[in-house]
Protein backbone atom coordinates (compact mmCIF):
# COMPACT_ATOMS: atom_id res chain seq x y z
CA MET A 1 10.70 12.97 47.14
CA ILE A 2 13.74 10.72 47.38
CA THR A 3 13.25 7.26 45.92
CA ASN A 4 15.48 4.25 45.34
CA ILE A 5 17.78 4.94 48.29
CA GLN A 6 20.36 2.23 48.91
CA TYR A 7 22.65 1.83 51.90
CA ILE A 8 26.10 0.34 52.23
CA ILE A 9 26.40 -1.36 55.60
CA ASP A 10 29.25 -2.94 57.51
CA ASN A 11 29.34 -6.45 58.99
CA ASN A 12 27.52 -5.22 62.11
CA GLY A 13 24.65 -3.75 60.09
CA SER A 14 25.71 -0.13 60.70
CA LYS A 15 25.06 2.19 57.76
CA LEU A 16 28.27 3.50 56.21
CA SER A 17 27.12 5.21 53.01
CA VAL A 18 24.04 6.16 51.03
CA ILE A 19 23.48 5.72 47.32
CA LEU A 20 20.77 7.88 45.76
CA PRO A 21 19.80 9.01 42.27
CA PHE A 22 22.06 11.72 40.87
CA SER A 23 19.12 14.07 40.30
CA GLU A 24 18.30 13.88 44.02
CA TRP A 25 21.95 14.58 44.87
CA GLN A 26 21.92 17.67 42.62
CA LYS A 27 18.73 18.95 44.29
CA MET A 28 20.17 18.39 47.76
CA LYS A 29 23.38 20.16 46.76
CA LEU A 30 21.46 23.16 45.38
CA ASP A 31 19.32 23.35 48.53
CA TYR A 32 22.48 23.22 50.65
CA GLN A 33 24.07 26.06 48.67
CA LYS A 34 20.93 28.18 49.13
CA LEU A 35 21.03 27.56 52.88
CA GLN A 36 24.73 28.45 53.01
CA ASN A 37 24.02 31.74 51.21
CA LYS A 38 21.16 32.51 53.57
CA LEU A 39 23.38 31.77 56.58
CA GLU A 40 26.08 34.07 55.23
CA VAL A 41 23.59 36.94 54.83
CA LEU A 42 22.14 36.39 58.31
CA GLN A 43 25.61 36.27 59.88
CA GLY A 44 26.47 39.54 58.12
CA ILE A 45 23.33 41.16 59.49
CA HIS A 46 24.15 39.85 62.97
CA GLU A 47 27.71 41.23 62.81
CA SER A 48 26.39 44.57 61.57
CA MET A 49 23.91 44.81 64.41
CA ASN A 50 26.69 44.07 66.89
CA GLU A 51 28.79 46.81 65.29
CA VAL A 52 25.91 49.29 65.56
CA ASN A 53 25.30 48.43 69.21
CA GLU A 54 29.00 48.75 69.97
CA ALA A 55 29.15 52.13 68.23
CA LYS A 56 26.13 53.36 70.18
CA GLY A 57 27.92 52.45 73.40
CA THR A 58 31.07 54.33 72.51
CA GLY A 59 29.40 57.24 70.73
CA GLU A 60 31.27 56.41 67.51
CA LYS A 61 29.68 57.88 64.38
CA LEU A 62 28.87 55.27 61.75
CA GLN A 63 28.79 55.72 58.01
CA THR A 64 25.33 56.38 56.60
CA LEU A 65 23.81 54.23 53.88
CA THR A 66 23.87 57.20 51.51
CA ASP A 67 27.59 57.75 52.11
CA PHE A 68 28.24 54.06 51.63
CA LEU A 69 26.35 53.98 48.33
CA ASN A 70 28.11 57.12 47.11
CA GLU A 71 31.51 55.49 47.72
CA SER A 72 31.11 53.05 44.86
């Protein structure tokens, strides 16, 4: 839970910046990195599914998982 949040405001009372404890910032940053990694994986899966669907439409033969693993 975030505590001790402070705001920097302009003359009109609009919030410009937020000041929060460094430990909270680190947690938020870690959570953001985890979400970015998850998004990257999901986008890769999405692109792969599009590639499979496209190959099905053209009759193109795709590499099998076994062949892919044996490449390395």
